Amino acid sequence: MALSGLDIYKLLPKTNCKECGFPTCLAFAMQIAAKKVELAKCPHVSPEAKKTLESASQPPIRLVTIGAGEGRLQVGNETVMFRHEETFYHPTGIGFLIEDTLSAKEFSERINRINKLKFERVGQEIKVDLIALKCVSGKKDIFVEAVKRVLAQSQLNLMLISENPQILKEAASLAKERRPLLYAARKDNTEAMAQIAKELSSPLVVCADTLDELAELTQKITAQGVKDLILDSGAKNLAEKVNELTQIRRLALKNTYRPLGYPTIAITTSQEPNQEIMEAAAYIAKYAGIVILKAEEPWQVLPLLTLRQNIYTDPQKPLQVEPKAYEIGQVTDKSPVLVTTNFSLTYYTVEAEVEASRIGAYIISSYAEGLSVLTAWAAEKFTAETIAKDLNESGIKDKVSHREIIIPGYVAVLSAKLEEESGWKVKVGPKEASGIPSFLKSWK
């Protein structure tokens, strides 16, 4: 059972030395209980207390790093079952399966297509994370050559899949500096795979058909000194797989069950392209740390990256753009001026429609704590006073010769008050952003 903050406090030195970064030992104990800080920050804890508290100071789901450098993938270390309880911190890694039996041309083309899976959405770059190279040939030379090609052609993180420990070891040794994820330790090769992972300091996937078998294998492997593990409960139908992913998460978080306190991986099995994307989406939502799929077309991957971005955005801290005046297209002193909130999704939706109109315009992004137009208006964050203030501080008066501003149709009620506060003439724009192009074409 997990220790409470008071239980942990009783085992601390109670010196209130502040060397841990907290004002009191009690405050430090409460942070340990919440899995937000490690016991190692206390320099005065006794060996006996350290042994007792070791489990309590560890996160319920271990943070595992795949790869090295800025592009590395980190999964795990989640603290809640549901996003509304707090937030999710480490986005699901999305990777793509490549078999070593592809021809040189097909192999190269597939890597290039995967490398290009990068998109911009609401001001952020969203992209895929890794390549999963599978040894289908069963031949060491072919697999090793395939690893060399991937290393030469892509900077994405690497997952190496082979049933043969000897083949996997030689291939992984070539990519040691990239810290590849090794797949997989099973009941019949546990010791060999654990030894390879330990020698190369690489994370290791543990695979079993039941949760009991998974727990048994993880304990054997950690006893050999390998701590960075990823769990795979095997190929199942969608409902069974989601159920097991949920059980693993719940056992780790609610029961502090250490043998299953690791991030998970799910490999899609659907052969139909649309079905595969829906399967992958379900795994991202519940609760895979890594999802591996075959589909690689932009129209298939963009929805998954968008879903991931939405799920792993802090619900208490909406994505925001900098509040200021933005120039869209070729602007002049006669260009129209629109105002909206600084919620990223709202701003970029408006920006896209202004660009589609092919009319140069200014957009004033008014600070509204990252809320959408109606939400900000209802919360009194998007008011005549705040808009007037932004007009004065944005410098827009020096950029246009007119004094007319276009406000969203949903807040037409602000018109009279805004004219009074700002001295600008207010025009009410369309309620929906899709109406902006036709509105601007009739604007004079």
Protein backbone atom coordinates (compact mmCIF):
# COMPACT_ATOMS: atom_id res chain seq x y z
CA MET A 1 0.00 0.00 0.00
CA ALA A 2 1.12 3.57 -0.72
CA LEU A 3 2.21 5.60 2.29
CA SER A 4 0.37 8.78 3.21
CA GLY A 5 2.13 12.11 3.63
CA LEU A 6 2.03 11.77 7.42
CA ASP A 7 3.42 8.22 7.25
CA ILE A 8 6.34 9.50 5.18
CA TYR A 9 6.86 12.50 7.48
CA LYS A 10 7.30 10.20 10.48
CA LEU A 11 10.30 8.59 8.73
CA LEU A 12 11.99 11.84 7.74
CA PRO A 13 14.65 13.57 9.93
CA LYS A 14 12.26 16.49 10.74
CA THR A 15 15.08 19.05 10.62
CA ASN A 16 13.27 21.47 8.28
CA CYS A 17 16.67 22.22 6.75
CA LYS A 18 15.11 23.28 3.42
CA GLU A 19 17.93 21.57 1.45
CA CYS A 20 15.30 19.55 -0.41
CA GLY A 21 13.80 22.77 -1.79
CA PHE A 22 10.73 22.76 0.46
CA PRO A 23 10.14 24.88 3.58
CA THR A 24 9.42 21.96 5.90
CA CYS A 25 9.84 18.20 6.08
CA LEU A 26 6.06 17.87 6.14
CA ALA A 27 5.73 19.76 2.86
CA PHE A 28 8.41 17.52 1.35
CA ALA A 29 6.60 14.41 2.64
CA MET A 30 3.34 15.51 1.04
CA GLN A 31 5.10 15.96 -2.30
CA ILE A 32 6.60 12.46 -2.06
CA ALA A 33 3.16 11.04 -1.33
CA ALA A 34 1.82 12.83 -4.42
CA LYS A 35 4.63 11.26 -6.53
CA LYS A 36 5.88 14.72 -7.49
CA VAL A 37 9.37 14.51 -5.98
CA GLU A 38 11.94 11.83 -5.24
CA LEU A 39 13.25 10.92 -1.81
CA ALA A 40 16.82 11.47 -3.05
CA LYS A 41 16.34 15.22 -2.62
CA CYS A 42 16.59 14.75 1.15
CA PRO A 43 20.30 14.58 2.11
CA HIS A 44 19.71 13.56 5.73
CA VAL A 45 17.32 10.60 5.46
CA SER A 46 18.57 7.51 7.30
CA PRO A 47 19.37 4.26 5.47
CA GLU A 48 16.54 2.50 7.30
CA ALA A 49 13.99 5.15 6.38
CA LYS A 50 15.32 5.25 2.84
CA LYS A 51 14.67 1.57 2.40
CA THR A 52 11.14 1.90 3.74
CA LEU A 53 10.37 4.99 1.67
CA GLU A 54 11.96 3.85 -1.57
CA SER A 55 8.72 2.52 -2.97
CA ALA A 56 6.71 5.56 -1.88
CA SER A 57 9.12 7.98 -3.57
CA GLN A 58 8.96 6.27 -6.97
CA PRO A 59 6.39 7.35 -9.56
CA PRO A 60 3.57 4.81 -10.00
CA ILE A 61 4.42 4.50 -13.70
CA ARG A 62 8.12 4.63 -14.48
CA LEU A 63 9.38 7.27 -16.88
CA VAL A 64 11.17 5.51 -19.76
CA THR A 65 13.33 7.31 -22.31
CA ILE A 66 13.83 5.98 -25.84
CA GLY A 67 16.48 7.59 -27.99
CA ALA A 68 18.89 10.40 -27.15
CA GLY A 69 19.15 14.14 -27.64
CA GLU A 70 16.34 16.62 -28.25
CA GLY A 71 14.29 14.19 -30.31
CA ARG A 72 14.15 11.49 -27.66
CA LEU A 73 10.82 9.99 -26.71
CA GLN A 74 9.75 9.87 -23.07
CA VAL A 75 6.74 7.82 -22.00
CA GLY A 76 5.23 6.96 -18.63
CA ASN A 77 5.29 8.88 -15.33
CA GLU A 78 1.56 9.59 -15.57
CA THR A 79 -0.27 10.24 -12.32
CA VAL A 80 -4.00 10.19 -13.10
CA MET A 81 -6.51 7.99 -14.90
CA PHE A 82 -8.48 10.82 -16.42
CA ARG A 83 -7.31 14.03 -18.03
CA HIS A 84 -9.80 16.23 -16.17
CA GLU A 85 -8.30 15.14 -12.84
CA GLU A 86 -5.00 16.88 -13.60
CA THR A 87 -3.31 16.47 -16.97
CA PHE A 88 -1.35 13.93 -19.00
CA TYR A 89 2.34 14.75 -19.35
CA HIS A 90 4.11 12.45 -21.82
CA PRO A 91 2.34 12.14 -25.18
CA THR A 92 1.93 8.70 -26.75
CA GLY A 93 4.80 7.88 -29.10
CA ILE A 94 3.62 7.12 -32.63
CA GLY A 95 5.78 4.81 -34.74
CA PHE A 96 5.69 2.90 -38.00
CA LEU A 97 6.56 -0.68 -38.84
CA ILE A 98 9.18 -1.40 -41.50
CA GLU A 99 10.19 -4.95 -42.46
CA ASP A 100 13.76 -5.76 -43.40
CA THR A 101 12.59 -7.79 -46.43
CA LEU A 102 11.58 -4.71 -48.42
CA SER A 103 13.63 -3.95 -51.52
CA ALA A 104 16.22 -1.19 -51.18
CA LYS A 105 14.00 1.19 -53.14
CA GLU A 106 10.84 0.40 -51.16
CA PHE A 107 12.76 0.64 -47.90
CA SER A 108 14.20 4.05 -48.72
CA GLU A 109 10.89 5.40 -49.99
CA ARG A 110 9.05 4.28 -46.86
CA ILE A 111 11.59 5.94 -44.57
CA ASN A 112 11.38 9.16 -46.55
CA ARG A 113 7.58 9.17 -46.32
CA ILE A 114 7.73 8.64 -42.57
CA ASN A 115 10.33 11.39 -42.13
CA LYS A 116 7.96 13.85 -43.80
CA LEU A 117 5.10 13.22 -41.39
CA LYS A 118 5.29 16.64 -39.77
CA PHE A 119 2.46 19.14 -39.58
CA GLU A 120 1.74 22.53 -38.05
CA ARG A 121 -1.42 22.92 -36.01
CA VAL A 122 -2.44 25.87 -33.84
CA GLY A 123 1.10 27.16 -33.90
CA GLN A 124 2.75 23.90 -32.86
CA GLU A 125 4.67 21.35 -34.89
CA ILE A 126 3.22 17.89 -34.45
CA LYS A 127 5.19 14.92 -35.75
CA VAL A 128 5.78 11.19 -35.42
CA ASP A 129 8.36 9.69 -33.08
CA LEU A 130 9.93 6.43 -34.13
CA ILE A 131 10.56 3.71 -36.69
CA ALA A 132 9.98 0.09 -35.69
CA LEU A 133 12.27 -2.15 -37.74
CA LYS A 134 11.22 -5.79 -37.78
CA CYS A 135 13.47 -8.72 -38.63
CA VAL A 136 11.18 -10.74 -40.89
CA SER A 137 14.02 -12.31 -42.87
CA GLY A 138 15.44 -14.11 -39.85
CA LYS A 139 18.92 -13.36 -41.19
CA LYS A 140 21.45 -11.33 -39.25
CA ASP A 141 23.18 -9.73 -42.24
CA ILE A 142 19.95 -8.50 -43.76
CA PHE A 143 18.67 -7.06 -40.48
CA VAL A 144 21.97 -5.38 -39.65
CA GLU A 145 22.07 -3.78 -43.11
CA ALA A 146 18.52 -2.52 -42.62
CA VAL A 147 19.51 -0.93 -39.30
CA LYS A 148 22.39 0.85 -41.03
CA ARG A 149 20.00 2.27 -43.63
CA VAL A 150 17.60 3.57 -41.02
CA LEU A 151 20.41 5.20 -39.05
CA ALA A 152 21.68 6.86 -42.22
CA GLN A 153 18.30 8.08 -43.47
CA SER A 154 16.36 9.08 -40.36
CA GLN A 155 16.85 10.86 -37.05
CA LEU A 156 13.69 9.33 -35.60
CA ASN A 157 13.95 7.09 -32.58
CA LEU A 158 14.39 3.40 -33.28
CA MET A 159 12.65 0.24 -32.13
CA LEU A 160 14.26 -3.06 -33.11
CA ILE A 161 12.13 -6.20 -33.33
CA SER A 162 13.63 -9.70 -33.47
CA GLU A 163 12.85 -13.05 -31.87
CA ASN A 164 16.53 -13.96 -31.99
CA PRO A 165 18.59 -12.44 -29.13
CA GLN A 166 21.88 -12.80 -31.04
CA ILE A 167 20.54 -10.96 -34.08
CA LEU A 168 18.96 -8.28 -31.93
CA LYS A 169 22.14 -7.75 -29.94
CA GLU A 170 24.33 -7.18 -33.00
CA ALA A 171 21.81 -4.86 -34.61
CA ALA A 172 21.23 -2.91 -31.40
CA SER A 173 24.97 -2.51 -30.86
CA LEU A 174 25.17 -0.50 -34.09
CA ALA A 175 22.51 1.87 -32.78
CA LYS A 176 23.71 1.98 -29.17
CA GLU A 177 24.21 5.76 -29.16
CA ARG A 178 20.61 6.20 -30.32
CA ARG A 179 19.37 4.09 -27.36
CA PRO A 180 16.89 1.94 -29.32
CA LEU A 181 13.88 0.19 -27.80
CA LEU A 182 14.38 -3.60 -27.92
CA TYR A 183 11.47 -5.92 -28.68
CA ALA A 184 10.86 -8.24 -26.92
CA ALA A 185 11.56 -10.26 -23.78
CA ARG A 186 9.27 -13.30 -23.53
CA LYS A 187 9.00 -16.26 -21.23
CA ASP A 188 11.45 -18.33 -23.30
CA ASN A 189 14.18 -15.67 -23.75
CA THR A 190 13.89 -13.49 -20.65
CA GLU A 191 17.45 -13.84 -19.39
CA ALA A 192 19.08 -13.33 -22.79
CA MET A 193 17.02 -10.24 -23.63
CA ALA A 194 17.53 -8.75 -20.18
CA GLN A 195 21.28 -9.22 -20.49
CA ILE A 196 21.34 -7.45 -23.87
CA ALA A 197 19.28 -4.54 -22.53
CA LYS A 198 21.58 -4.25 -19.53
CA GLU A 199 24.77 -4.31 -21.59
CA LEU A 200 23.50 -1.68 -24.04
CA SER A 201 21.58 0.41 -21.47
CA SER A 202 18.54 0.18 -23.71
CA PRO A 203 14.86 0.07 -22.76
CA LEU A 204 13.20 -3.32 -23.24
CA VAL A 205 9.69 -4.42 -24.19
CA VAL A 206 8.29 -7.25 -22.06
CA CYS A 207 5.66 -9.32 -23.83
CA ALA A 208 3.17 -11.84 -22.39
CA ASP A 209 -0.42 -12.86 -23.09
CA THR A 210 -1.73 -12.25 -19.58
CA LEU A 211 -1.16 -9.59 -16.96
CA ASP A 212 -0.07 -12.21 -14.42
CA GLU A 213 2.65 -13.42 -16.79
CA LEU A 214 3.69 -9.81 -17.50
CA ALA A 215 4.06 -9.11 -13.79
CA GLU A 216 6.09 -12.26 -13.30
CA LEU A 217 8.46 -11.39 -16.17
CA THR A 218 8.99 -7.78 -15.09
CA GLN A 219 10.05 -8.92 -11.62
CA LYS A 220 12.55 -11.38 -13.09
CA ILE A 221 13.99 -8.76 -15.42
CA THR A 222 14.27 -5.99 -12.83
CA ALA A 223 16.05 -8.47 -10.57
CA GLN A 224 18.72 -8.63 -13.31
CA GLY A 225 19.21 -4.87 -13.10
CA VAL A 226 17.06 -3.72 -16.03
CA LYS A 227 14.67 -0.98 -14.95
CA ASP A 228 13.46 0.68 -18.16
CA LEU A 229 10.65 -1.57 -19.35
CA ILE A 230 7.67 -1.23 -21.69
CA LEU A 231 4.74 -3.63 -21.36
CA ASP A 232 3.01 -5.47 -24.23
CA SER A 233 0.07 -7.70 -23.36
CA GLY A 234 0.10 -9.29 -26.82
CA ALA A 235 -2.13 -9.15 -29.87
CA LYS A 236 -5.81 -8.97 -28.90
CA ASN A 237 -8.98 -7.68 -30.43
CA LEU A 238 -9.62 -3.98 -29.82
CA ALA A 239 -11.95 -4.37 -26.85
CA GLU A 240 -9.66 -6.83 -25.05
CA LYS A 241 -6.59 -4.72 -25.70
CA VAL A 242 -8.14 -1.50 -24.43
CA ASN A 243 -9.43 -3.37 -21.38
CA GLU A 244 -5.93 -4.66 -20.56
CA LEU A 245 -4.29 -1.28 -21.14
CA THR A 246 -6.82 0.23 -18.75
CA GLN A 247 -6.27 -2.49 -16.16
CA ILE A 248 -2.50 -1.97 -16.26
CA ARG A 249 -2.91 1.77 -15.76
CA ARG A 250 -5.40 1.31 -12.94
CA LEU A 251 -3.30 -1.27 -11.10
CA ALA A 252 -0.25 0.98 -11.32
CA LEU A 253 -2.00 4.18 -10.23
CA LYS A 254 -4.70 3.04 -7.85
CA ASN A 255 -3.01 0.00 -6.30
CA THR A 256 0.62 1.09 -6.70
CA TYR A 257 1.31 -2.36 -8.15
CA ARG A 258 5.00 -2.06 -9.02
CA PRO A 259 5.32 -5.12 -11.32
CA LEU A 260 2.98 -3.36 -13.79
CA GLY A 261 4.15 0.19 -13.08
CA TYR A 262 5.54 0.76 -16.57
CA PRO A 263 4.33 2.42 -19.78
CA THR A 264 2.69 0.22 -22.40
CA ILE A 265 2.93 -0.42 -26.13
CA ALA A 266 0.22 -1.45 -28.61
CA ILE A 267 0.78 -2.66 -32.17
CA THR A 268 -2.19 -2.37 -34.51
CA THR A 269 -3.49 -5.55 -36.13
CA SER A 270 -6.24 -4.23 -38.43
CA GLN A 271 -5.55 -4.72 -42.12
CA GLU A 272 -8.15 -2.25 -43.40
CA PRO A 273 -6.60 1.29 -43.47
CA ASN A 274 -9.51 3.19 -41.92
CA GLN A 275 -10.02 0.54 -39.27
CA GLU A 276 -6.34 0.66 -38.37
CA ILE A 277 -6.50 4.40 -37.72
CA MET A 278 -9.54 3.96 -35.46
CA GLU A 279 -7.72 1.18 -33.62
CA ALA A 280 -4.65 3.38 -33.13
CA ALA A 281 -6.83 6.26 -31.95
CA ALA A 282 -8.40 4.03 -29.30
CA TYR A 283 -4.95 3.05 -28.03
CA ILE A 284 -3.85 6.68 -27.82
CA ALA A 285 -6.91 7.49 -25.73
CA LYS A 286 -6.71 4.36 -23.50
CA TYR A 287 -3.73 4.20 -22.49
CA ALA A 288 -0.82 3.17 -24.69
CA GLY A 289 2.52 4.88 -24.18
CA ILE A 290 3.57 3.86 -27.70
CA VAL A 291 1.46 2.91 -30.72
CA ILE A 292 3.00 1.15 -33.73
CA LEU A 293 1.10 1.04 -37.02
CA LYS A 294 1.60 0.35 -40.71
CA ALA A 295 -0.42 3.23 -42.18
CA GLU A 296 1.78 6.12 -43.27
CA GLU A 297 -0.32 8.41 -45.47
CA PRO A 298 -0.62 12.00 -44.21
CA TRP A 299 -4.43 11.80 -44.27
CA GLN A 300 -4.20 8.82 -41.91
CA VAL A 301 -1.52 10.16 -39.57
CA LEU A 302 -2.67 13.77 -39.13
CA PRO A 303 -5.89 12.80 -37.28
CA LEU A 304 -3.86 10.68 -34.85
CA LEU A 305 -1.39 13.48 -34.17
CA THR A 306 -4.27 15.92 -33.72
CA LEU A 307 -6.00 13.58 -31.29
CA ARG A 308 -2.78 13.16 -29.32
CA GLN A 309 -2.20 16.90 -29.21
CA ASN A 310 -5.71 17.49 -27.88
CA ILE A 311 -5.49 14.78 -25.22
CA TYR A 312 -2.07 15.87 -23.97
CA THR A 313 -2.82 19.58 -23.80
CA ASP A 314 -3.25 20.74 -20.22
CA PRO A 315 -7.01 21.43 -19.88
CA GLN A 316 -6.24 24.11 -17.31
CA LYS A 317 -3.75 25.88 -19.60
CA PRO A 318 -5.20 26.28 -23.09
CA LEU A 319 -2.82 26.82 -25.99
CA GLN A 320 -2.35 30.53 -26.50
CA VAL A 321 -0.80 32.91 -29.00
CA GLU A 322 0.97 36.12 -28.08
CA PRO A 323 -1.50 38.99 -27.69
CA LYS A 324 -0.58 41.53 -30.38
CA ALA A 325 -1.44 42.80 -33.86
CA TYR A 326 -0.67 40.24 -36.59
CA GLU A 327 -0.23 41.12 -40.25
CA ILE A 328 -1.90 38.66 -42.61
CA GLY A 329 -1.01 38.92 -46.30
CA GLN A 330 -0.12 42.19 -48.02
CA VAL A 331 -1.39 44.87 -45.67
CA THR A 332 -1.78 48.61 -46.26
CA ASP A 333 -3.00 51.50 -44.15
CA LYS A 334 -6.50 50.74 -45.48
CA SER A 335 -6.51 47.07 -44.52
CA PRO A 336 -9.35 45.81 -42.30
CA VAL A 337 -8.71 45.16 -38.62
CA LEU A 338 -10.28 42.13 -36.94
CA VAL A 339 -10.19 41.22 -33.28
CA THR A 340 -10.41 37.80 -31.63
CA THR A 341 -9.12 36.12 -28.48
CA ASN A 342 -5.65 34.67 -27.97
CA PHE A 343 -6.92 31.06 -27.80
CA SER A 344 -4.70 29.31 -30.38
CA LEU A 345 -7.45 27.31 -32.06
CA THR A 346 -9.63 30.40 -32.40
CA TYR A 347 -6.81 32.61 -33.66
CA TYR A 348 -5.47 30.15 -36.25
CA THR A 349 -8.98 29.41 -37.49
CA VAL A 350 -9.55 33.12 -38.08
CA GLU A 351 -6.10 33.50 -39.62
CA ALA A 352 -6.75 30.67 -42.09
CA GLU A 353 -10.01 32.23 -43.23
CA VAL A 354 -8.41 35.67 -43.63
CA GLU A 355 -5.68 34.11 -45.74
CA ALA A 356 -8.33 32.33 -47.81
CA SER A 357 -9.96 35.69 -48.57
CA ARG A 358 -6.71 36.89 -50.24
CA ILE A 359 -7.27 40.28 -48.65
CA GLY A 360 -4.49 41.71 -46.50
CA ALA A 361 -5.73 42.32 -42.96
CA TYR A 362 -4.68 42.83 -39.37
CA ILE A 363 -5.81 40.52 -36.58
CA ILE A 364 -5.69 41.80 -33.01
CA SER A 365 -5.19 38.87 -30.67
CA SER A 366 -6.73 40.10 -27.44
CA TYR A 367 -5.52 38.55 -24.19
CA ALA A 368 -8.32 36.40 -22.77
CA GLU A 369 -6.36 33.78 -20.81
CA GLY A 370 -6.49 31.43 -23.79
CA LEU A 371 -10.29 31.16 -23.83
CA SER A 372 -12.50 31.02 -26.92
CA VAL A 373 -14.63 34.03 -27.86
CA LEU A 374 -17.92 33.08 -26.19
CA THR A 375 -16.23 31.50 -23.17
CA ALA A 376 -14.04 34.56 -22.67
CA TRP A 377 -17.01 36.91 -23.07
CA ALA A 378 -19.06 34.92 -20.54
CA ALA A 379 -16.13 34.98 -18.11
CA GLU A 380 -15.69 38.74 -18.66
CA LYS A 381 -12.21 38.22 -20.11
CA PHE A 382 -13.17 39.52 -23.59
CA THR A 383 -14.86 42.85 -22.98
CA ALA A 384 -15.09 46.29 -24.49
CA GLU A 385 -12.52 47.50 -21.97
CA THR A 386 -9.98 44.75 -22.71
CA ILE A 387 -10.37 45.14 -26.48
CA ALA A 388 -9.97 48.93 -26.23
CA LYS A 389 -6.86 48.42 -24.13
CA ASP A 390 -5.39 46.03 -26.72
CA LEU A 391 -6.14 48.48 -29.51
CA ASN A 392 -4.15 51.16 -27.71
CA GLU A 393 -1.23 48.88 -26.80
CA SER A 394 -0.93 46.98 -30.10
CA GLY A 395 0.21 49.99 -32.10
CA ILE A 396 -2.49 49.40 -34.70
CA LYS A 397 -3.38 53.11 -34.71
CA ASP A 398 -0.07 53.85 -36.37
CA LYS A 399 -0.56 51.15 -39.02
CA VAL A 400 -3.98 52.05 -40.45
CA SER A 401 -5.50 55.34 -41.53
CA HIS A 402 -9.08 54.37 -40.64
CA ARG A 403 -10.65 53.73 -37.26
CA GLU A 404 -12.86 50.74 -37.91
CA ILE A 405 -12.66 47.37 -36.16
CA ILE A 406 -14.45 44.10 -36.92
CA ILE A 407 -15.59 42.05 -33.93
CA PRO A 408 -16.92 38.45 -33.90
CA GLY A 409 -20.65 38.20 -34.55
CA TYR A 410 -21.23 36.28 -31.35
CA VAL A 411 -20.27 39.33 -29.26
CA ALA A 412 -22.21 41.95 -31.20
CA VAL A 413 -23.54 43.12 -27.84
CA LEU A 414 -20.13 44.75 -27.21
CA SER A 415 -20.48 47.17 -30.16
CA ALA A 416 -21.81 50.29 -28.44
CA LYS A 417 -19.62 49.99 -25.35
CA LEU A 418 -16.51 49.32 -27.47
CA GLU A 419 -17.14 52.40 -29.62
CA GLU A 420 -17.46 54.43 -26.44
CA GLU A 421 -14.31 52.99 -24.85
CA SER A 422 -12.07 53.05 -27.92
CA GLY A 423 -13.35 55.79 -30.20
CA TRP A 424 -13.31 53.28 -33.08
CA LYS A 425 -16.29 52.49 -35.27
CA VAL A 426 -17.32 48.87 -34.73
CA LYS A 427 -18.53 46.55 -37.44
CA VAL A 428 -20.03 43.21 -36.50
CA GLY A 429 -18.46 40.36 -38.41
CA PRO A 430 -19.82 36.87 -39.06
CA LYS A 431 -20.51 34.51 -36.17
CA GLU A 432 -18.57 31.68 -37.78
CA ALA A 433 -15.02 32.04 -39.10
CA SER A 434 -16.08 30.42 -42.39
CA GLY A 435 -18.01 33.60 -43.21
CA ILE A 436 -14.91 35.83 -43.01
CA PRO A 437 -13.78 35.59 -46.69
CA SER A 438 -17.09 36.78 -48.10
CA PHE A 439 -17.39 39.42 -45.37
CA LEU A 440 -13.94 40.89 -46.11
CA LYS A 441 -14.59 40.99 -49.84
CA SER A 442 -17.52 43.31 -49.18
CA TRP A 443 -15.61 45.41 -46.64
CA LYS A 444 -14.57 48.93 -47.57
